[in-house]
């Protein structure tokens, strides 16, 4: 990202598309993490 961005070769000028895909990736990451947790497991580590 640094090499291809404005500070490097400048291949990527407007990063709106990259930011959009990045937001989708973050969304799916947290969704998959939530899929692997039962509510009672969250309560088990709640106090600490």
ModelCIF file with pLDDT and N, C-alpha, C, O atoms, coordinates in Angstrom:
data_MODEL
#
_entry.id   MODEL 
#
_entity.id                         1 
_entity.type                       polymer 
_entity.pdbx_number_of_molecules   1 
#
_entity_poly.entity_id                      1 
_entity_poly.type                           'polypeptide(L)' 
_entity_poly.nstd_linkage                   no 
_entity_poly.nstd_monomer                   no 
_entity_poly.pdbx_seq_one_letter_code       
;(UNK)(UNK)(UNK)(UNK)(UNK)(UNK)(UNK)(UNK)(UNK)(UNK)(UNK)(UNK)(UNK)(UNK)(UNK)(UNK)
(UNK)(UNK)(UNK)(UNK)(UNK)(UNK)(UNK)(UNK)(UNK)(UNK)(UNK)(UNK)(UNK)(UNK)(UNK)(UNK)
(UNK)(UNK)(UNK)(UNK)(UNK)(UNK)(UNK)(UNK)(UNK)(UNK)(UNK)(UNK)(UNK)(UNK)(UNK)(UNK)
;
_entity_poly.pdbx_seq_one_letter_code_can   XXXXXXXXXXXXXXXXXXXXXXXXXXXXXXXXXXXXXXXXXXXXXXXX 
_entity_poly.pdbx_strand_id                 A 
#
loop_
_entity_poly_seq.entity_id 
_entity_poly_seq.num 
_entity_poly_seq.mon_id 
_entity_poly_seq.hetero 
1 1  UNK n 
1 2  UNK n 
1 3  UNK n 
1 4  UNK n 
1 5  UNK n 
1 6  UNK n 
1 7  UNK n 
1 8  UNK n 
1 9  UNK n 
1 10 UNK n 
1 11 UNK n 
1 12 UNK n 
1 13 UNK n 
1 14 UNK n 
1 15 UNK n 
1 16 UNK n 
1 17 UNK n 
1 18 UNK n 
1 19 UNK n 
1 20 UNK n 
1 21 UNK n 
1 22 UNK n 
1 23 UNK n 
1 24 UNK n 
1 25 UNK n 
1 26 UNK n 
1 27 UNK n 
1 28 UNK n 
1 29 UNK n 
1 30 UNK n 
1 31 UNK n 
1 32 UNK n 
1 33 UNK n 
1 34 UNK n 
1 35 UNK n 
1 36 UNK n 
1 37 UNK n 
1 38 UNK n 
1 39 UNK n 
1 40 UNK n 
1 41 UNK n 
1 42 UNK n 
1 43 UNK n 
1 44 UNK n 
1 45 UNK n 
1 46 UNK n 
1 47 UNK n 
1 48 UNK n 
#
_struct_asym.id          A 
_struct_asym.entity_id   1 
#
loop_
_ma_qa_metric.id 
_ma_qa_metric.mode 
_ma_qa_metric.name 
_ma_qa_metric.software_group_id 
_ma_qa_metric.type 
1 global pLDDT . pLDDT 
2 local  pLDDT . pLDDT 
#
_ma_qa_metric_global.metric_id      1 
_ma_qa_metric_global.metric_value   74.60 
_ma_qa_metric_global.model_id       1 
_ma_qa_metric_global.ordinal_id     1 
#
loop_
_ma_qa_metric_local.label_asym_id 
_ma_qa_metric_local.label_comp_id 
_ma_qa_metric_local.label_seq_id 
_ma_qa_metric_local.metric_id 
_ma_qa_metric_local.metric_value 
_ma_qa_metric_local.model_id 
_ma_qa_metric_local.ordinal_id 
A UNK 1  2 84.00 1 1  
A UNK 2  2 82.00 1 2  
A UNK 3  2 85.00 1 3  
A UNK 4  2 84.00 1 4  
A UNK 5  2 79.00 1 5  
A UNK 6  2 76.00 1 6  
A UNK 7  2 73.00 1 7  
A UNK 8  2 74.00 1 8  
A UNK 9  2 78.00 1 9  
A UNK 10 2 75.00 1 10 
A UNK 11 2 76.00 1 11 
A UNK 12 2 76.00 1 12 
A UNK 13 2 67.00 1 13 
A UNK 14 2 61.00 1 14 
A UNK 15 2 68.00 1 15 
A UNK 16 2 75.00 1 16 
A UNK 17 2 78.00 1 17 
A UNK 18 2 81.00 1 18 
A UNK 19 2 80.00 1 19 
A UNK 20 2 84.00 1 20 
A UNK 21 2 86.00 1 21 
A UNK 22 2 83.00 1 22 
A UNK 23 2 82.00 1 23 
A UNK 24 2 86.00 1 24 
A UNK 25 2 83.00 1 25 
A UNK 26 2 77.00 1 26 
A UNK 27 2 81.00 1 27 
A UNK 28 2 84.00 1 28 
A UNK 29 2 77.00 1 29 
A UNK 30 2 75.00 1 30 
A UNK 31 2 83.00 1 31 
A UNK 32 2 80.00 1 32 
A UNK 33 2 71.00 1 33 
A UNK 34 2 76.00 1 34 
A UNK 35 2 79.00 1 35 
A UNK 36 2 67.00 1 36 
A UNK 37 2 64.00 1 37 
A UNK 38 2 58.00 1 38 
A UNK 39 2 57.00 1 39 
A UNK 40 2 58.00 1 40 
A UNK 41 2 57.00 1 41 
A UNK 42 2 59.00 1 42 
A UNK 43 2 63.00 1 43 
A UNK 44 2 61.00 1 44 
A UNK 45 2 63.00 1 45 
A UNK 46 2 72.00 1 46 
A UNK 47 2 80.00 1 47 
A UNK 48 2 83.00 1 48 
#
loop_
_atom_site.group_PDB 
_atom_site.id 
_atom_site.type_symbol 
_atom_site.label_atom_id 
_atom_site.label_alt_id 
_atom_site.label_comp_id 
_atom_site.label_asym_id 
_atom_site.label_entity_id 
_atom_site.label_seq_id 
_atom_site.pdbx_PDB_ins_code 
_atom_site.Cartn_x 
_atom_site.Cartn_y 
_atom_site.Cartn_z 
_atom_site.occupancy 
_atom_site.B_iso_or_equiv 
_atom_site.pdbx_formal_charge 
_atom_site.auth_seq_id 
_atom_site.auth_comp_id 
_atom_site.auth_asym_id 
_atom_site.auth_atom_id 
_atom_site.pdbx_PDB_model_num 
ATOM 1   N N  . UNK A 1 1  ? 0.811   -1.209  0.000  1.00 84.00 ? 1  UNK A N  1 
ATOM 2   C CA . UNK A 1 1  ? 0.000   0.000   0.000  1.00 84.00 ? 1  UNK A CA 1 
ATOM 3   C C  . UNK A 1 1  ? 0.843   1.257   0.000  1.00 84.00 ? 1  UNK A C  1 
ATOM 4   O O  . UNK A 1 1  ? 0.522   2.224   -0.691 1.00 84.00 ? 1  UNK A O  1 
ATOM 5   N N  . UNK A 1 2  ? 1.932   1.251   0.778  1.00 82.00 ? 2  UNK A N  1 
ATOM 6   C CA . UNK A 1 2  ? 2.831   2.412   0.813  1.00 82.00 ? 2  UNK A CA 1 
ATOM 7   C C  . UNK A 1 2  ? 3.548   2.595   -0.530 1.00 82.00 ? 2  UNK A C  1 
ATOM 8   O O  . UNK A 1 2  ? 3.665   3.712   -1.034 1.00 82.00 ? 2  UNK A O  1 
ATOM 9   N N  . UNK A 1 3  ? 4.028   1.474   -1.106 1.00 85.00 ? 3  UNK A N  1 
ATOM 10  C CA . UNK A 1 3  ? 4.794   1.551   -2.348 1.00 85.00 ? 3  UNK A CA 1 
ATOM 11  C C  . UNK A 1 3  ? 3.935   2.010   -3.525 1.00 85.00 ? 3  UNK A C  1 
ATOM 12  O O  . UNK A 1 3  ? 4.421   2.721   -4.405 1.00 85.00 ? 3  UNK A O  1 
ATOM 13  N N  . UNK A 1 4  ? 2.665   1.611   -3.547 1.00 84.00 ? 4  UNK A N  1 
ATOM 14  C CA . UNK A 1 4  ? 1.795   1.947   -4.673 1.00 84.00 ? 4  UNK A CA 1 
ATOM 15  C C  . UNK A 1 4  ? 0.995   3.227   -4.441 1.00 84.00 ? 4  UNK A C  1 
ATOM 16  O O  . UNK A 1 4  ? 0.331   3.719   -5.353 1.00 84.00 ? 4  UNK A O  1 
ATOM 17  N N  . UNK A 1 5  ? 1.056   3.766   -3.222 1.00 79.00 ? 5  UNK A N  1 
ATOM 18  C CA . UNK A 1 5  ? 0.256   4.938   -2.881 1.00 79.00 ? 5  UNK A CA 1 
ATOM 19  C C  . UNK A 1 5  ? 0.919   6.247   -3.262 1.00 79.00 ? 5  UNK A C  1 
ATOM 20  O O  . UNK A 1 5  ? 1.928   6.269   -3.967 1.00 79.00 ? 5  UNK A O  1 
ATOM 21  N N  . UNK A 1 6  ? 0.336   7.337   -2.786 1.00 76.00 ? 6  UNK A N  1 
ATOM 22  C CA . UNK A 1 6  ? 0.857   8.677   -3.134 1.00 76.00 ? 6  UNK A CA 1 
ATOM 23  C C  . UNK A 1 6  ? 2.299   8.900   -2.704 1.00 76.00 ? 6  UNK A C  1 
ATOM 24  O O  . UNK A 1 6  ? 3.026   9.642   -3.363 1.00 76.00 ? 6  UNK A O  1 
ATOM 25  N N  . UNK A 1 7  ? 2.729   8.268   -1.607 1.00 73.00 ? 7  UNK A N  1 
ATOM 26  C CA . UNK A 1 7  ? 4.102   8.449   -1.138 1.00 73.00 ? 7  UNK A CA 1 
ATOM 27  C C  . UNK A 1 7  ? 5.096   7.609   -1.920 1.00 73.00 ? 7  UNK A C  1 
ATOM 28  O O  . UNK A 1 7  ? 6.305   7.816   -1.813 1.00 73.00 ? 7  UNK A O  1 
ATOM 29  N N  . UNK A 1 8  ? 4.582   6.634   -2.729 1.00 74.00 ? 8  UNK A N  1 
ATOM 30  C CA . UNK A 1 8  ? 5.455   5.782   -3.520 1.00 74.00 ? 8  UNK A CA 1 
ATOM 31  C C  . UNK A 1 8  ? 5.328   6.062   -4.997 1.00 74.00 ? 8  UNK A C  1 
ATOM 32  O O  . UNK A 1 8  ? 5.609   7.169   -5.456 1.00 74.00 ? 8  UNK A O  1 
ATOM 33  N N  . UNK A 1 9  ? 4.897   5.040   -5.755 1.00 78.00 ? 9  UNK A N  1 
ATOM 34  C CA . UNK A 1 9  ? 4.827   5.162   -7.207 1.00 78.00 ? 9  UNK A CA 1 
ATOM 35  C C  . UNK A 1 9  ? 3.574   5.885   -7.698 1.00 78.00 ? 9  UNK A C  1 
ATOM 36  O O  . UNK A 1 9  ? 3.487   6.263   -8.866 1.00 78.00 ? 9  UNK A O  1 
ATOM 37  N N  . UNK A 1 10 ? 2.616   6.075   -6.809 1.00 75.00 ? 10 UNK A N  1 
ATOM 38  C CA . UNK A 1 10 ? 1.426   6.816   -7.191 1.00 75.00 ? 10 UNK A CA 1 
ATOM 39  C C  . UNK A 1 10 ? 0.454   6.049   -8.069 1.00 75.00 ? 10 UNK A C  1 
ATOM 40  O O  . UNK A 1 10 ? -0.356  6.659   -8.766 1.00 75.00 ? 10 UNK A O  1 
ATOM 41  N N  . UNK A 1 11 ? 0.518   4.707   -8.050 1.00 76.00 ? 11 UNK A N  1 
ATOM 42  C CA . UNK A 1 11 ? -0.427  3.908   -8.842 1.00 76.00 ? 11 UNK A CA 1 
ATOM 43  C C  . UNK A 1 11 ? -1.852  4.087   -8.355 1.00 76.00 ? 11 UNK A C  1 
ATOM 44  O O  . UNK A 1 11 ? -2.797  4.068   -9.145 1.00 76.00 ? 11 UNK A O  1 
ATOM 45  N N  . UNK A 1 12 ? -2.000  4.261   -7.052 1.00 76.00 ? 12 UNK A N  1 
ATOM 46  C CA . UNK A 1 12 ? -3.333  4.402   -6.464 1.00 76.00 ? 12 UNK A CA 1 
ATOM 47  C C  . UNK A 1 12 ? -3.494  5.859   -6.046 1.00 76.00 ? 12 UNK A C  1 
ATOM 48  O O  . UNK A 1 12 ? -2.832  6.328   -5.120 1.00 76.00 ? 12 UNK A O  1 
ATOM 49  N N  . UNK A 1 13 ? -4.368  6.558   -6.729 1.00 67.00 ? 13 UNK A N  1 
ATOM 50  C CA . UNK A 1 13 ? -4.589  7.957   -6.394 1.00 67.00 ? 13 UNK A CA 1 
ATOM 51  C C  . UNK A 1 13 ? -5.742  8.099   -5.420 1.00 67.00 ? 13 UNK A C  1 
ATOM 52  O O  . UNK A 1 13 ? -5.523  8.343   -4.233 1.00 67.00 ? 13 UNK A O  1 
ATOM 53  N N  . UNK A 1 14 ? -6.951  7.952   -5.896 1.00 61.00 ? 14 UNK A N  1 
ATOM 54  C CA . UNK A 1 14 ? -8.145  8.023   -5.063 1.00 61.00 ? 14 UNK A CA 1 
ATOM 55  C C  . UNK A 1 14 ? -8.382  6.650   -4.447 1.00 61.00 ? 14 UNK A C  1 
ATOM 56  O O  . UNK A 1 14 ? -8.587  5.678   -5.173 1.00 61.00 ? 14 UNK A O  1 
ATOM 57  N N  . UNK A 1 15 ? -8.357  6.555   -3.120 1.00 68.00 ? 15 UNK A N  1 
ATOM 58  C CA . UNK A 1 15 ? -8.437  5.255   -2.445 1.00 68.00 ? 15 UNK A CA 1 
ATOM 59  C C  . UNK A 1 15 ? -9.845  4.920   -1.964 1.00 68.00 ? 15 UNK A C  1 
ATOM 60  O O  . UNK A 1 15 ? -10.000 4.089   -1.070 1.00 68.00 ? 15 UNK A O  1 
ATOM 61  N N  . UNK A 1 16 ? -10.865 5.541   -2.529 1.00 75.00 ? 16 UNK A N  1 
ATOM 62  C CA . UNK A 1 16 ? -12.226 5.268   -2.071 1.00 75.00 ? 16 UNK A CA 1 
ATOM 63  C C  . UNK A 1 16 ? -12.596 3.799   -2.258 1.00 75.00 ? 16 UNK A C  1 
ATOM 64  O O  . UNK A 1 16 ? -13.222 3.199   -1.384 1.00 75.00 ? 16 UNK A O  1 
ATOM 65  N N  . UNK A 1 17 ? -12.212 3.219   -3.396 1.00 78.00 ? 17 UNK A N  1 
ATOM 66  C CA . UNK A 1 17 ? -12.547 1.818   -3.642 1.00 78.00 ? 17 UNK A CA 1 
ATOM 67  C C  . UNK A 1 17 ? -11.835 0.897   -2.661 1.00 78.00 ? 17 UNK A C  1 
ATOM 68  O O  . UNK A 1 17 ? -12.424 -0.056  -2.151 1.00 78.00 ? 17 UNK A O  1 
ATOM 69  N N  . UNK A 1 18 ? -10.558 1.190   -2.398 1.00 81.00 ? 18 UNK A N  1 
ATOM 70  C CA . UNK A 1 18 ? -9.804  0.384   -1.444 1.00 81.00 ? 18 UNK A CA 1 
ATOM 71  C C  . UNK A 1 18 ? -10.416 0.498   -0.053 1.00 81.00 ? 18 UNK A C  1 
ATOM 72  O O  . UNK A 1 18 ? -10.537 -0.501  0.656  1.00 81.00 ? 18 UNK A O  1 
ATOM 73  N N  . UNK A 1 19 ? -10.802 1.712   0.341  1.00 80.00 ? 19 UNK A N  1 
ATOM 74  C CA . UNK A 1 19 ? -11.417 1.911   1.651  1.00 80.00 ? 19 UNK A CA 1 
ATOM 75  C C  . UNK A 1 19 ? -12.743 1.168   1.750  1.00 80.00 ? 19 UNK A C  1 
ATOM 76  O O  . UNK A 1 19 ? -13.074 0.627   2.805  1.00 80.00 ? 19 UNK A O  1 
ATOM 77  N N  . UNK A 1 20 ? -13.508 1.140   0.655  1.00 84.00 ? 20 UNK A N  1 
ATOM 78  C CA . UNK A 1 20 ? -14.788 0.431   0.672  1.00 84.00 ? 20 UNK A CA 1 
ATOM 79  C C  . UNK A 1 20 ? -14.570 -1.067  0.881  1.00 84.00 ? 20 UNK A C  1 
ATOM 80  O O  . UNK A 1 20 ? -15.231 -1.682  1.718  1.00 84.00 ? 20 UNK A O  1 
ATOM 81  N N  . UNK A 1 21 ? -13.643 -1.654  0.119  1.00 86.00 ? 21 UNK A N  1 
ATOM 82  C CA . UNK A 1 21 ? -13.357 -3.081  0.298  1.00 86.00 ? 21 UNK A CA 1 
ATOM 83  C C  . UNK A 1 21 ? -12.795 -3.353  1.685  1.00 86.00 ? 21 UNK A C  1 
ATOM 84  O O  . UNK A 1 21 ? -13.074 -4.395  2.279  1.00 86.00 ? 21 UNK A O  1 
ATOM 85  N N  . UNK A 1 22 ? -12.007 -2.422  2.200  1.00 83.00 ? 22 UNK A N  1 
ATOM 86  C CA . UNK A 1 22 ? -11.448 -2.592  3.545  1.00 83.00 ? 22 UNK A CA 1 
ATOM 87  C C  . UNK A 1 22 ? -12.562 -2.629  4.587  1.00 83.00 ? 22 UNK A C  1 
ATOM 88  O O  . UNK A 1 22 ? -12.517 -3.438  5.513  1.00 83.00 ? 22 UNK A O  1 
ATOM 89  N N  . UNK A 1 23 ? -13.554 -1.766  4.442  1.00 82.00 ? 23 UNK A N  1 
ATOM 90  C CA . UNK A 1 23 ? -14.680 -1.758  5.385  1.00 82.00 ? 23 UNK A CA 1 
ATOM 91  C C  . UNK A 1 23 ? -15.459 -3.063  5.310  1.00 82.00 ? 23 UNK A C  1 
ATOM 92  O O  . UNK A 1 23 ? -15.888 -3.589  6.337  1.00 82.00 ? 23 UNK A O  1 
ATOM 93  N N  . UNK A 1 24 ? -15.645 -3.592  4.098  1.00 86.00 ? 24 UNK A N  1 
ATOM 94  C CA . UNK A 1 24 ? -16.328 -4.879  3.962  1.00 86.00 ? 24 UNK A CA 1 
ATOM 95  C C  . UNK A 1 24 ? -15.532 -5.985  4.643  1.00 86.00 ? 24 UNK A C  1 
ATOM 96  O O  . UNK A 1 24 ? -16.106 -6.853  5.300  1.00 86.00 ? 24 UNK A O  1 
ATOM 97  N N  . UNK A 1 25 ? -14.212 -5.956  4.488  1.00 83.00 ? 25 UNK A N  1 
ATOM 98  C CA . UNK A 1 25 ? -13.383 -6.973  5.121  1.00 83.00 ? 25 UNK A CA 1 
ATOM 99  C C  . UNK A 1 25 ? -13.456 -6.930  6.630  1.00 83.00 ? 25 UNK A C  1 
ATOM 100 O O  . UNK A 1 25 ? -13.549 -7.970  7.283  1.00 83.00 ? 25 UNK A O  1 
ATOM 101 N N  . UNK A 1 26 ? -13.415 -5.731  7.189  1.00 77.00 ? 26 UNK A N  1 
ATOM 102 C CA . UNK A 1 26 ? -13.520 -5.580  8.641  1.00 77.00 ? 26 UNK A CA 1 
ATOM 103 C C  . UNK A 1 26 ? -14.884 -6.062  9.128  1.00 77.00 ? 26 UNK A C  1 
ATOM 104 O O  . UNK A 1 26 ? -14.988 -6.710  10.170 1.00 77.00 ? 26 UNK A O  1 
ATOM 105 N N  . UNK A 1 27 ? -15.918 -5.742  8.373  1.00 81.00 ? 27 UNK A N  1 
ATOM 106 C CA . UNK A 1 27 ? -17.267 -6.170  8.734  1.00 81.00 ? 27 UNK A CA 1 
ATOM 107 C C  . UNK A 1 27 ? -17.368 -7.689  8.779  1.00 81.00 ? 27 UNK A C  1 
ATOM 108 O O  . UNK A 1 27 ? -17.894 -8.247  9.742  1.00 81.00 ? 27 UNK A O  1 
ATOM 109 N N  . UNK A 1 28 ? -16.870 -8.360  7.748  1.00 84.00 ? 28 UNK A N  1 
ATOM 110 C CA . UNK A 1 28 ? -16.934 -9.818  7.716  1.00 84.00 ? 28 UNK A CA 1 
ATOM 111 C C  . UNK A 1 28 ? -16.055 -10.444 8.785  1.00 84.00 ? 28 UNK A C  1 
ATOM 112 O O  . UNK A 1 28 ? -16.404 -11.483 9.345  1.00 84.00 ? 28 UNK A O  1 
ATOM 113 N N  . UNK A 1 29 ? -14.908 -9.818  9.076  1.00 77.00 ? 29 UNK A N  1 
ATOM 114 C CA . UNK A 1 29 ? -14.031 -10.338 10.126 1.00 77.00 ? 29 UNK A CA 1 
ATOM 115 C C  . UNK A 1 29 ? -14.755 -10.392 11.456 1.00 77.00 ? 29 UNK A C  1 
ATOM 116 O O  . UNK A 1 29 ? -14.749 -11.423 12.130 1.00 77.00 ? 29 UNK A O  1 
ATOM 117 N N  . UNK A 1 30 ? -15.378 -9.289  11.837 1.00 75.00 ? 30 UNK A N  1 
ATOM 118 C CA . UNK A 1 30 ? -16.072 -9.258  13.128 1.00 75.00 ? 30 UNK A CA 1 
ATOM 119 C C  . UNK A 1 30 ? -17.304 -10.146 13.123 1.00 75.00 ? 30 UNK A C  1 
ATOM 120 O O  . UNK A 1 30 ? -17.666 -10.709 14.156 1.00 75.00 ? 30 UNK A O  1 
ATOM 121 N N  . UNK A 1 31 ? -17.948 -10.277 11.977 1.00 83.00 ? 31 UNK A N  1 
ATOM 122 C CA . UNK A 1 31 ? -19.105 -11.163 11.870 1.00 83.00 ? 31 UNK A CA 1 
ATOM 123 C C  . UNK A 1 31 ? -18.693 -12.618 12.094 1.00 83.00 ? 31 UNK A C  1 
ATOM 124 O O  . UNK A 1 31 ? -19.365 -13.344 12.826 1.00 83.00 ? 31 UNK A O  1 
ATOM 125 N N  . UNK A 1 32 ? -17.604 -13.043 11.474 1.00 80.00 ? 32 UNK A N  1 
ATOM 126 C CA . UNK A 1 32 ? -17.141 -14.420 11.638 1.00 80.00 ? 32 UNK A CA 1 
ATOM 127 C C  . UNK A 1 32 ? -16.698 -14.674 13.077 1.00 80.00 ? 32 UNK A C  1 
ATOM 128 O O  . UNK A 1 32 ? -16.922 -15.758 13.614 1.00 80.00 ? 32 UNK A O  1 
ATOM 129 N N  . UNK A 1 33 ? -16.074 -13.679 13.699 1.00 71.00 ? 33 UNK A N  1 
ATOM 130 C CA . UNK A 1 33 ? -15.695 -13.821 15.109 1.00 71.00 ? 33 UNK A CA 1 
ATOM 131 C C  . UNK A 1 33 ? -16.941 -14.011 15.966 1.00 71.00 ? 33 UNK A C  1 
ATOM 132 O O  . UNK A 1 33 ? -16.968 -14.866 16.852 1.00 71.00 ? 33 UNK A O  1 
ATOM 133 N N  . UNK A 1 34 ? -17.976 -13.209 15.700 1.00 76.00 ? 34 UNK A N  1 
ATOM 134 C CA . UNK A 1 34 ? -19.226 -13.368 16.439 1.00 76.00 ? 34 UNK A CA 1 
ATOM 135 C C  . UNK A 1 34 ? -19.860 -14.724 16.230 1.00 76.00 ? 34 UNK A C  1 
ATOM 136 O O  . UNK A 1 34 ? -20.461 -15.278 17.151 1.00 76.00 ? 34 UNK A O  1 
ATOM 137 N N  . UNK A 1 35 ? -19.732 -15.274 15.019 1.00 79.00 ? 35 UNK A N  1 
ATOM 138 C CA . UNK A 1 35 ? -20.290 -16.602 14.742 1.00 79.00 ? 35 UNK A CA 1 
ATOM 139 C C  . UNK A 1 35 ? -19.673 -17.678 15.626 1.00 79.00 ? 35 UNK A C  1 
ATOM 140 O O  . UNK A 1 35 ? -20.327 -18.666 15.959 1.00 79.00 ? 35 UNK A O  1 
ATOM 141 N N  . UNK A 1 36 ? -18.423 -17.484 16.001 1.00 67.00 ? 36 UNK A N  1 
ATOM 142 C CA . UNK A 1 36 ? -17.714 -18.514 16.764 1.00 67.00 ? 36 UNK A CA 1 
ATOM 143 C C  . UNK A 1 36 ? -17.916 -18.387 18.266 1.00 67.00 ? 36 UNK A C  1 
ATOM 144 O O  . UNK A 1 36 ? -17.355 -19.168 19.034 1.00 67.00 ? 36 UNK A O  1 
ATOM 145 N N  . UNK A 1 37 ? -18.711 -17.412 18.693 1.00 64.00 ? 37 UNK A N  1 
ATOM 146 C CA . UNK A 1 37 ? -18.916 -17.197 20.123 1.00 64.00 ? 37 UNK A CA 1 
ATOM 147 C C  . UNK A 1 37 ? -20.374 -17.370 20.500 1.00 64.00 ? 37 UNK A C  1 
ATOM 148 O O  . UNK A 1 37 ? -21.268 -16.802 19.874 1.00 64.00 ? 37 UNK A O  1 
ATOM 149 N N  . UNK A 1 38 ? -20.593 -18.157 21.527 1.00 58.00 ? 38 UNK A N  1 
ATOM 150 C CA . UNK A 1 38 ? -21.922 -18.242 22.118 1.00 58.00 ? 38 UNK A CA 1 
ATOM 151 C C  . UNK A 1 38 ? -22.056 -17.153 23.170 1.00 58.00 ? 38 UNK A C  1 
ATOM 152 O O  . UNK A 1 38 ? -21.060 -16.777 23.788 1.00 58.00 ? 38 UNK A O  1 
ATOM 153 N N  . UNK A 1 39 ? -23.275 -16.631 23.393 1.00 57.00 ? 39 UNK A N  1 
ATOM 154 C CA . UNK A 1 39 ? -23.444 -15.595 24.432 1.00 57.00 ? 39 UNK A CA 1 
ATOM 155 C C  . UNK A 1 39 ? -22.950 -16.019 25.804 1.00 57.00 ? 39 UNK A C  1 
ATOM 156 O O  . UNK A 1 39 ? -22.412 -15.191 26.540 1.00 57.00 ? 39 UNK A O  1 
ATOM 157 N N  . UNK A 1 40 ? -23.118 -17.292 26.174 1.00 58.00 ? 40 UNK A N  1 
ATOM 158 C CA . UNK A 1 40 ? -22.678 -17.709 27.510 1.00 58.00 ? 40 UNK A CA 1 
ATOM 159 C C  . UNK A 1 40 ? -21.155 -17.695 27.615 1.00 58.00 ? 40 UNK A C  1 
ATOM 160 O O  . UNK A 1 40 ? -20.614 -17.544 28.710 1.00 58.00 ? 40 UNK A O  1 
ATOM 161 N N  . UNK A 1 41 ? -20.445 -17.853 26.462 1.00 57.00 ? 41 UNK A N  1 
ATOM 162 C CA . UNK A 1 41 ? -18.994 -17.766 26.489 1.00 57.00 ? 41 UNK A CA 1 
ATOM 163 C C  . UNK A 1 41 ? -18.541 -16.327 26.709 1.00 57.00 ? 41 UNK A C  1 
ATOM 164 O O  . UNK A 1 41 ? -17.535 -16.081 27.376 1.00 57.00 ? 41 UNK A O  1 
ATOM 165 N N  . UNK A 1 42 ? -19.288 -15.377 26.145 1.00 59.00 ? 42 UNK A N  1 
ATOM 166 C CA . UNK A 1 42 ? -18.970 -13.963 26.360 1.00 59.00 ? 42 UNK A CA 1 
ATOM 167 C C  . UNK A 1 42 ? -19.162 -13.611 27.833 1.00 59.00 ? 42 UNK A C  1 
ATOM 168 O O  . UNK A 1 42 ? -18.338 -12.914 28.425 1.00 59.00 ? 42 UNK A O  1 
ATOM 169 N N  . UNK A 1 43 ? -20.259 -14.100 28.420 1.00 63.00 ? 43 UNK A N  1 
ATOM 170 C CA . UNK A 1 43 ? -20.511 -13.804 29.841 1.00 63.00 ? 43 UNK A CA 1 
ATOM 171 C C  . UNK A 1 43 ? -19.429 -14.397 30.727 1.00 63.00 ? 43 UNK A C  1 
ATOM 172 O O  . UNK A 1 43 ? -19.131 -13.852 31.789 1.00 63.00 ? 43 UNK A O  1 
ATOM 173 N N  . UNK A 1 44 ? -18.832 -15.517 30.298 1.00 61.00 ? 44 UNK A N  1 
ATOM 174 C CA . UNK A 1 44 ? -17.839 -16.188 31.128 1.00 61.00 ? 44 UNK A CA 1 
ATOM 175 C C  . UNK A 1 44 ? -16.594 -15.329 31.344 1.00 61.00 ? 44 UNK A C  1 
ATOM 176 O O  . UNK A 1 44 ? -15.973 -15.403 32.405 1.00 61.00 ? 44 UNK A O  1 
ATOM 177 N N  . UNK A 1 45 ? -16.220 -14.513 30.352 1.00 63.00 ? 45 UNK A N  1 
ATOM 178 C CA . UNK A 1 45 ? -15.038 -13.660 30.500 1.00 63.00 ? 45 UNK A CA 1 
ATOM 179 C C  . UNK A 1 45 ? -15.423 -12.203 30.713 1.00 63.00 ? 45 UNK A C  1 
ATOM 180 O O  . UNK A 1 45 ? -14.562 -11.323 30.698 1.00 63.00 ? 45 UNK A O  1 
ATOM 181 N N  . UNK A 1 46 ? -16.722 -11.943 30.913 1.00 72.00 ? 46 UNK A N  1 
ATOM 182 C CA . UNK A 1 46 ? -17.188 -10.573 31.074 1.00 72.00 ? 46 UNK A CA 1 
ATOM 183 C C  . UNK A 1 46 ? -16.526 -9.813  32.200 1.00 72.00 ? 46 UNK A C  1 
ATOM 184 O O  . UNK A 1 46 ? -16.035 -8.710  31.961 1.00 72.00 ? 46 UNK A O  1 
ATOM 185 N N  . UNK A 1 47 ? -16.483 -10.346 33.438 1.00 80.00 ? 47 UNK A N  1 
ATOM 186 C CA . UNK A 1 47 ? -15.902 -9.588  34.556 1.00 80.00 ? 47 UNK A CA 1 
ATOM 187 C C  . UNK A 1 47 ? -14.443 -9.199  34.333 1.00 80.00 ? 47 UNK A C  1 
ATOM 188 O O  . UNK A 1 47 ? -14.069 -8.048  34.558 1.00 80.00 ? 47 UNK A O  1 
ATOM 189 N N  . UNK A 1 48 ? -13.616 -10.149 33.894 1.00 83.00 ? 48 UNK A N  1 
ATOM 190 C CA . UNK A 1 48 ? -12.197 -9.816  33.692 1.00 83.00 ? 48 UNK A CA 1 
ATOM 191 C C  . UNK A 1 48 ? -12.026 -8.875  32.512 1.00 83.00 ? 48 UNK A C  1 
ATOM 192 O O  . UNK A 1 48 ? -10.904 -8.485  32.191 1.00 83.00 ? 48 UNK A O  1 
#
